[in-house]
């Protein structure tokens, strides 16, 4: 993270200058958006690591494996799908699709009741 985040940011800046303009014209607002997204990622990561422990005492490893395998499949697909959508429809559409998808998936957490457990 210490090296990857600044390098990724530099690459992102270069791509943004070459490919398209950002929706957030104000650079400070854009930084706020990126910071907010990183914070949301932190909330999601903490929740996904603790959920298997709350749901089961006997099957924590299996639940963790399934949960994180599904997350990694999504990450792998998005790294292929996003550039494909960007090539065909533009980066704004590709990123809007990713945002809409996440907004569609996020409410599903409301149906997880860890207090009930599965054991």
N, C-alpha and C. Protein backbone atom coordinates (compact mmCIF):
# COMPACT_ATOMS: atom_id res chain seq x y z
N UNK A 1 0.82 -1.19 0.00
CA UNK A 1 0.00 0.00 0.00
C UNK A 1 0.87 1.25 0.00
N UNK A 2 1.95 1.23 0.75
CA UNK A 2 2.82 2.40 0.85
C UNK A 2 3.38 2.79 -0.52
N UNK A 3 3.74 1.83 -1.32
CA UNK A 3 4.29 2.09 -2.64
C UNK A 3 3.19 2.07 -3.70
N UNK A 4 2.30 1.09 -3.60
CA UNK A 4 1.27 0.90 -4.63
C UNK A 4 0.30 2.05 -4.77
N UNK A 5 -0.13 2.64 -3.66
CA UNK A 5 -1.11 3.72 -3.74
C UNK A 5 -0.57 4.94 -4.47
N UNK A 6 0.63 5.45 -4.12
CA UNK A 6 1.14 6.60 -4.88
C UNK A 6 1.45 6.29 -6.34
N UNK A 7 1.99 5.10 -6.59
CA UNK A 7 2.28 4.72 -7.98
C UNK A 7 0.97 4.61 -8.76
N UNK A 8 -0.02 3.96 -8.17
CA UNK A 8 -1.33 3.85 -8.82
C UNK A 8 -1.95 5.21 -9.07
N UNK A 9 -1.80 6.12 -8.12
CA UNK A 9 -2.33 7.47 -8.28
C UNK A 9 -1.64 8.20 -9.42
N UNK A 10 -0.34 8.04 -9.52
CA UNK A 10 0.41 8.68 -10.62
C UNK A 10 -0.02 8.12 -11.98
N UNK A 11 -0.18 6.81 -12.05
CA UNK A 11 -0.65 6.19 -13.29
C UNK A 11 -2.06 6.67 -13.62
N UNK A 12 -2.91 6.73 -12.61
CA UNK A 12 -4.27 7.21 -12.80
C UNK A 12 -4.29 8.65 -13.31
N UNK A 13 -3.46 9.51 -12.72
CA UNK A 13 -3.37 10.90 -13.18
C UNK A 13 -2.94 10.97 -14.64
N UNK A 14 -1.94 10.19 -14.99
CA UNK A 14 -1.45 10.20 -16.37
C UNK A 14 -2.53 9.71 -17.34
N UNK A 15 -3.24 8.66 -16.95
CA UNK A 15 -4.31 8.14 -17.80
C UNK A 15 -5.44 9.17 -17.92
N UNK A 16 -5.75 9.82 -16.82
CA UNK A 16 -6.81 10.82 -16.84
C UNK A 16 -6.50 11.98 -17.77
N UNK A 17 -5.25 12.40 -17.80
CA UNK A 17 -4.84 13.49 -18.69
C UNK A 17 -4.86 13.05 -20.14
N UNK A 18 -4.52 11.80 -20.36
CA UNK A 18 -4.44 11.30 -21.74
C UNK A 18 -5.78 10.84 -22.29
N UNK A 19 -6.62 10.24 -21.45
CA UNK A 19 -7.84 9.60 -21.94
C UNK A 19 -9.09 10.46 -21.82
N UNK A 20 -9.29 11.09 -20.68
CA UNK A 20 -10.53 11.83 -20.47
C UNK A 20 -10.39 12.75 -19.28
N UNK A 21 -11.35 13.60 -19.08
CA UNK A 21 -11.34 14.48 -17.92
C UNK A 21 -12.16 13.85 -16.81
N UNK A 22 -11.79 14.17 -15.61
CA UNK A 22 -12.52 13.66 -14.44
C UNK A 22 -13.82 14.43 -14.27
N UNK A 23 -14.81 13.79 -13.67
CA UNK A 23 -16.06 14.48 -13.37
C UNK A 23 -15.86 15.54 -12.30
N UNK A 24 -14.96 15.29 -11.40
CA UNK A 24 -14.68 16.27 -10.34
C UNK A 24 -13.58 17.19 -10.86
N UNK A 25 -13.97 18.37 -11.31
CA UNK A 25 -12.99 19.30 -11.88
C UNK A 25 -12.04 19.85 -10.81
N UNK A 26 -12.54 20.01 -9.62
CA UNK A 26 -11.73 20.51 -8.51
C UNK A 26 -10.85 19.39 -7.97
N UNK A 27 -9.53 19.52 -8.01
CA UNK A 27 -8.67 18.42 -7.57
C UNK A 27 -8.85 18.07 -6.09
N UNK A 28 -9.19 19.05 -5.27
CA UNK A 28 -9.40 18.76 -3.85
C UNK A 28 -10.67 17.93 -3.65
N UNK A 29 -11.69 18.20 -4.44
CA UNK A 29 -12.91 17.41 -4.38
C UNK A 29 -12.64 15.99 -4.85
N UNK A 30 -11.85 15.86 -5.90
CA UNK A 30 -11.49 14.52 -6.40
C UNK A 30 -10.73 13.74 -5.32
N UNK A 31 -9.82 14.40 -4.61
CA UNK A 31 -9.09 13.74 -3.53
C UNK A 31 -10.06 13.32 -2.42
N UNK A 32 -11.03 14.17 -2.13
CA UNK A 32 -12.04 13.81 -1.13
C UNK A 32 -12.81 12.56 -1.56
N UNK A 33 -13.18 12.49 -2.84
CA UNK A 33 -13.91 11.32 -3.35
C UNK A 33 -13.07 10.05 -3.23
N UNK A 34 -11.80 10.15 -3.59
CA UNK A 34 -10.92 8.98 -3.50
C UNK A 34 -10.75 8.56 -2.04
N UNK A 35 -10.58 9.54 -1.16
CA UNK A 35 -10.47 9.23 0.27
C UNK A 35 -11.72 8.57 0.82
N UNK A 36 -12.88 9.08 0.41
CA UNK A 36 -14.14 8.49 0.84
C UNK A 36 -14.26 7.04 0.33
N UNK A 37 -13.89 6.81 -0.93
CA UNK A 37 -13.94 5.46 -1.49
C UNK A 37 -13.00 4.52 -0.73
N UNK A 38 -11.81 5.00 -0.39
CA UNK A 38 -10.86 4.18 0.36
C UNK A 38 -11.42 3.86 1.75
N UNK A 39 -12.07 4.84 2.38
CA UNK A 39 -12.70 4.59 3.68
C UNK A 39 -13.80 3.56 3.59
N UNK A 40 -14.61 3.64 2.54
CA UNK A 40 -15.67 2.64 2.34
C UNK A 40 -15.07 1.25 2.14
N UNK A 41 -13.96 1.19 1.44
CA UNK A 41 -13.28 -0.08 1.25
C UNK A 41 -12.82 -0.64 2.58
N UNK A 42 -12.33 0.22 3.46
CA UNK A 42 -11.91 -0.22 4.79
C UNK A 42 -13.07 -0.79 5.59
N UNK A 43 -14.21 -0.13 5.53
CA UNK A 43 -15.40 -0.63 6.24
C UNK A 43 -15.79 -1.99 5.69
N UNK A 44 -15.78 -2.12 4.40
CA UNK A 44 -16.13 -3.39 3.76
C UNK A 44 -15.15 -4.50 4.15
N UNK A 45 -13.87 -4.19 4.13
CA UNK A 45 -12.86 -5.20 4.45
C UNK A 45 -13.01 -5.70 5.89
N UNK A 46 -13.21 -4.80 6.81
CA UNK A 46 -13.36 -5.20 8.22
C UNK A 46 -14.60 -6.09 8.38
N UNK A 47 -15.68 -5.69 7.76
CA UNK A 47 -16.92 -6.46 7.85
C UNK A 47 -16.76 -7.85 7.26
N UNK A 48 -16.10 -7.93 6.12
CA UNK A 48 -15.97 -9.24 5.49
C UNK A 48 -15.02 -10.16 6.24
N UNK A 49 -14.07 -9.62 6.97
CA UNK A 49 -13.18 -10.48 7.75
C UNK A 49 -13.82 -10.95 9.05
N UNK A 50 -14.71 -10.17 9.60
CA UNK A 50 -15.33 -10.57 10.87
C UNK A 50 -16.60 -11.39 10.70
N UNK A 51 -17.27 -11.24 9.59
CA UNK A 51 -18.56 -11.92 9.39
C UNK A 51 -18.49 -13.43 9.59
N UNK A 52 -17.54 -14.15 8.98
CA UNK A 52 -17.52 -15.60 9.18
C UNK A 52 -17.39 -16.00 10.66
N UNK A 53 -16.66 -15.22 11.44
CA UNK A 53 -16.53 -15.51 12.87
C UNK A 53 -17.86 -15.34 13.60
N UNK A 54 -18.65 -14.38 13.16
CA UNK A 54 -19.95 -14.14 13.79
C UNK A 54 -20.99 -15.17 13.38
N UNK A 55 -20.90 -15.67 12.16
CA UNK A 55 -21.91 -16.59 11.65
C UNK A 55 -21.74 -18.02 12.14
N UNK A 56 -20.51 -18.43 12.38
CA UNK A 56 -20.30 -19.84 12.72
C UNK A 56 -19.05 -20.02 13.57
N UNK A 57 -19.11 -20.96 14.47
CA UNK A 57 -17.92 -21.31 15.25
C UNK A 57 -17.24 -22.54 14.65
N UNK A 58 -18.00 -23.39 13.99
CA UNK A 58 -17.44 -24.63 13.46
C UNK A 58 -16.97 -24.51 12.01
N UNK A 59 -17.48 -23.54 11.27
CA UNK A 59 -17.19 -23.47 9.83
C UNK A 59 -16.57 -22.14 9.41
N UNK A 60 -15.82 -21.53 10.30
CA UNK A 60 -15.22 -20.22 10.03
C UNK A 60 -14.30 -20.27 8.81
N UNK A 61 -13.46 -21.27 8.73
CA UNK A 61 -12.53 -21.38 7.61
C UNK A 61 -13.24 -21.54 6.28
N UNK A 62 -14.24 -22.39 6.26
CA UNK A 62 -15.01 -22.60 5.02
C UNK A 62 -15.73 -21.33 4.60
N UNK A 63 -16.40 -20.69 5.55
CA UNK A 63 -17.10 -19.45 5.24
C UNK A 63 -16.15 -18.36 4.76
N UNK A 64 -15.00 -18.25 5.42
CA UNK A 64 -14.01 -17.26 4.99
C UNK A 64 -13.54 -17.54 3.58
N UNK A 65 -13.28 -18.81 3.30
CA UNK A 65 -12.84 -19.18 1.96
C UNK A 65 -13.86 -18.85 0.89
N UNK A 66 -15.12 -19.17 1.15
CA UNK A 66 -16.17 -18.89 0.17
C UNK A 66 -16.33 -17.39 -0.02
N UNK A 67 -16.40 -16.66 1.07
CA UNK A 67 -16.60 -15.21 1.01
C UNK A 67 -15.47 -14.53 0.24
N UNK A 68 -14.25 -14.85 0.57
CA UNK A 68 -13.11 -14.18 -0.06
C UNK A 68 -12.86 -14.69 -1.48
N UNK A 69 -13.20 -15.94 -1.74
CA UNK A 69 -13.10 -16.44 -3.11
C UNK A 69 -14.07 -15.68 -4.01
N UNK A 70 -15.29 -15.49 -3.55
CA UNK A 70 -16.27 -14.73 -4.34
C UNK A 70 -15.81 -13.29 -4.54
N UNK A 71 -15.25 -12.70 -3.51
CA UNK A 71 -14.72 -11.33 -3.64
C UNK A 71 -13.60 -11.27 -4.66
N UNK A 72 -12.72 -12.25 -4.63
CA UNK A 72 -11.60 -12.26 -5.57
C UNK A 72 -12.05 -12.51 -7.00
N UNK A 73 -13.09 -13.31 -7.17
CA UNK A 73 -13.65 -13.51 -8.51
C UNK A 73 -14.18 -12.17 -9.04
N UNK A 74 -14.88 -11.44 -8.18
CA UNK A 74 -15.36 -10.12 -8.58
C UNK A 74 -14.23 -9.18 -8.95
N UNK A 75 -13.17 -9.20 -8.17
CA UNK A 75 -12.02 -8.36 -8.48
C UNK A 75 -11.37 -8.75 -9.79
N UNK A 76 -11.27 -10.04 -10.05
CA UNK A 76 -10.67 -10.50 -11.30
C UNK A 76 -11.55 -10.11 -12.50
N UNK A 77 -12.85 -10.29 -12.36
CA UNK A 77 -13.75 -9.92 -13.45
C UNK A 77 -13.75 -8.42 -13.71
N UNK A 78 -13.71 -7.64 -12.65
CA UNK A 78 -13.75 -6.18 -12.84
C UNK A 78 -12.49 -5.66 -13.52
N UNK A 79 -11.36 -6.33 -13.30
CA UNK A 79 -10.13 -5.88 -13.94
C UNK A 79 -10.14 -6.15 -15.44
N UNK A 80 -11.00 -7.05 -15.88
CA UNK A 80 -11.15 -7.32 -17.31
C UNK A 80 -12.34 -6.54 -17.88
N UNK A 81 -13.45 -6.55 -17.15
CA UNK A 81 -14.68 -5.92 -17.64
C UNK A 81 -14.57 -4.40 -17.73
N UNK A 82 -13.97 -3.76 -16.74
CA UNK A 82 -13.90 -2.30 -16.73
C UNK A 82 -13.16 -1.74 -17.95
N UNK A 83 -11.95 -2.25 -18.29
CA UNK A 83 -11.31 -1.73 -19.50
C UNK A 83 -12.09 -2.04 -20.78
N UNK A 84 -12.75 -3.20 -20.83
CA UNK A 84 -13.57 -3.52 -22.01
C UNK A 84 -14.70 -2.51 -22.17
N UNK A 85 -15.39 -2.22 -21.07
CA UNK A 85 -16.46 -1.23 -21.12
C UNK A 85 -15.91 0.15 -21.47
N UNK A 86 -14.75 0.47 -20.91
CA UNK A 86 -14.14 1.78 -21.19
C UNK A 86 -13.76 1.91 -22.66
N UNK A 87 -13.26 0.85 -23.24
CA UNK A 87 -12.88 0.89 -24.66
C UNK A 87 -14.11 1.09 -25.54
N UNK A 88 -15.17 0.43 -25.18
CA UNK A 88 -16.38 0.50 -26.02
C UNK A 88 -17.24 1.74 -25.76
N UNK A 89 -17.39 2.11 -24.47
CA UNK A 89 -18.32 3.18 -24.11
C UNK A 89 -17.66 4.39 -23.45
N UNK A 90 -16.40 4.30 -23.10
CA UNK A 90 -15.71 5.38 -22.42
C UNK A 90 -15.55 5.09 -20.94
N UNK A 91 -14.57 5.75 -20.32
CA UNK A 91 -14.24 5.50 -18.92
C UNK A 91 -15.34 5.92 -17.97
N UNK A 92 -16.01 7.00 -18.27
CA UNK A 92 -17.07 7.45 -17.36
C UNK A 92 -18.18 6.40 -17.28
N UNK A 93 -18.57 5.85 -18.42
CA UNK A 93 -19.59 4.81 -18.43
C UNK A 93 -19.11 3.57 -17.69
N UNK A 94 -17.85 3.19 -17.90
CA UNK A 94 -17.30 2.01 -17.23
C UNK A 94 -17.30 2.19 -15.72
N UNK A 95 -16.88 3.36 -15.26
CA UNK A 95 -16.85 3.61 -13.82
C UNK A 95 -18.26 3.78 -13.25
N UNK A 96 -19.16 4.37 -14.04
CA UNK A 96 -20.56 4.45 -13.60
C UNK A 96 -21.17 3.07 -13.44
N UNK A 97 -20.84 2.17 -14.37
CA UNK A 97 -21.33 0.79 -14.28
C UNK A 97 -20.82 0.13 -13.00
N UNK A 98 -19.54 0.31 -12.71
CA UNK A 98 -18.97 -0.27 -11.49
C UNK A 98 -19.65 0.29 -10.25
N UNK A 99 -19.87 1.60 -10.24
CA UNK A 99 -20.53 2.23 -9.09
C UNK A 99 -21.97 1.73 -8.94
N UNK A 100 -22.68 1.65 -10.06
CA UNK A 100 -24.08 1.17 -10.01
C UNK A 100 -24.14 -0.28 -9.53
N UNK A 101 -23.19 -1.09 -9.98
CA UNK A 101 -23.14 -2.48 -9.54
C UNK A 101 -22.94 -2.56 -8.04
N UNK A 102 -22.00 -1.78 -7.53
CA UNK A 102 -21.72 -1.80 -6.09
C UNK A 102 -22.92 -1.30 -5.29
N UNK A 103 -23.59 -0.27 -5.79
CA UNK A 103 -24.79 0.22 -5.11
C UNK A 103 -25.91 -0.82 -5.13
N UNK A 104 -25.92 -1.66 -6.14
CA UNK A 104 -26.90 -2.73 -6.20
C UNK A 104 -26.58 -3.89 -5.27
N UNK A 105 -25.30 -4.13 -5.06
CA UNK A 105 -24.86 -5.24 -4.22
C UNK A 105 -24.86 -4.87 -2.73
N UNK A 106 -24.51 -3.66 -2.42
CA UNK A 106 -24.36 -3.23 -1.02
C UNK A 106 -25.60 -3.49 -0.16
N UNK A 107 -26.81 -3.23 -0.64
CA UNK A 107 -27.98 -3.48 0.22
C UNK A 107 -28.18 -4.95 0.61
N UNK A 108 -27.53 -5.84 -0.08
CA UNK A 108 -27.66 -7.27 0.29
C UNK A 108 -27.11 -7.56 1.68
N UNK A 109 -26.20 -6.69 2.15
CA UNK A 109 -25.69 -6.86 3.51
C UNK A 109 -26.79 -6.71 4.54
N UNK A 110 -27.86 -6.02 4.19
CA UNK A 110 -28.97 -5.84 5.12
C UNK A 110 -29.68 -7.16 5.44
N UNK A 111 -29.49 -8.16 4.57
CA UNK A 111 -30.14 -9.45 4.78
C UNK A 111 -29.26 -10.44 5.54
N UNK A 112 -28.05 -10.01 5.91
CA UNK A 112 -27.16 -10.87 6.70
C UNK A 112 -27.40 -10.56 8.18
N UNK A 113 -27.78 -11.60 8.91
CA UNK A 113 -28.06 -11.44 10.34
C UNK A 113 -27.08 -12.32 11.13
N UNK A 114 -25.96 -11.74 11.46
CA UNK A 114 -24.90 -12.51 12.12
C UNK A 114 -25.31 -12.98 13.50
N UNK A 115 -26.26 -12.28 14.12
CA UNK A 115 -26.68 -12.70 15.46
C UNK A 115 -27.41 -14.05 15.44
N UNK A 116 -27.93 -14.44 14.31
CA UNK A 116 -28.64 -15.72 14.20
C UNK A 116 -27.67 -16.89 14.03
N UNK A 117 -26.58 -16.67 13.33
CA UNK A 117 -25.60 -17.74 13.10
C UNK A 117 -26.16 -18.82 12.20
N UNK A 118 -25.29 -19.77 11.84
CA UNK A 118 -25.72 -20.89 11.01
C UNK A 118 -25.48 -22.24 11.67
N UNK A 119 -24.84 -22.25 12.82
CA UNK A 119 -24.57 -23.53 13.52
C UNK A 119 -25.79 -24.01 14.27
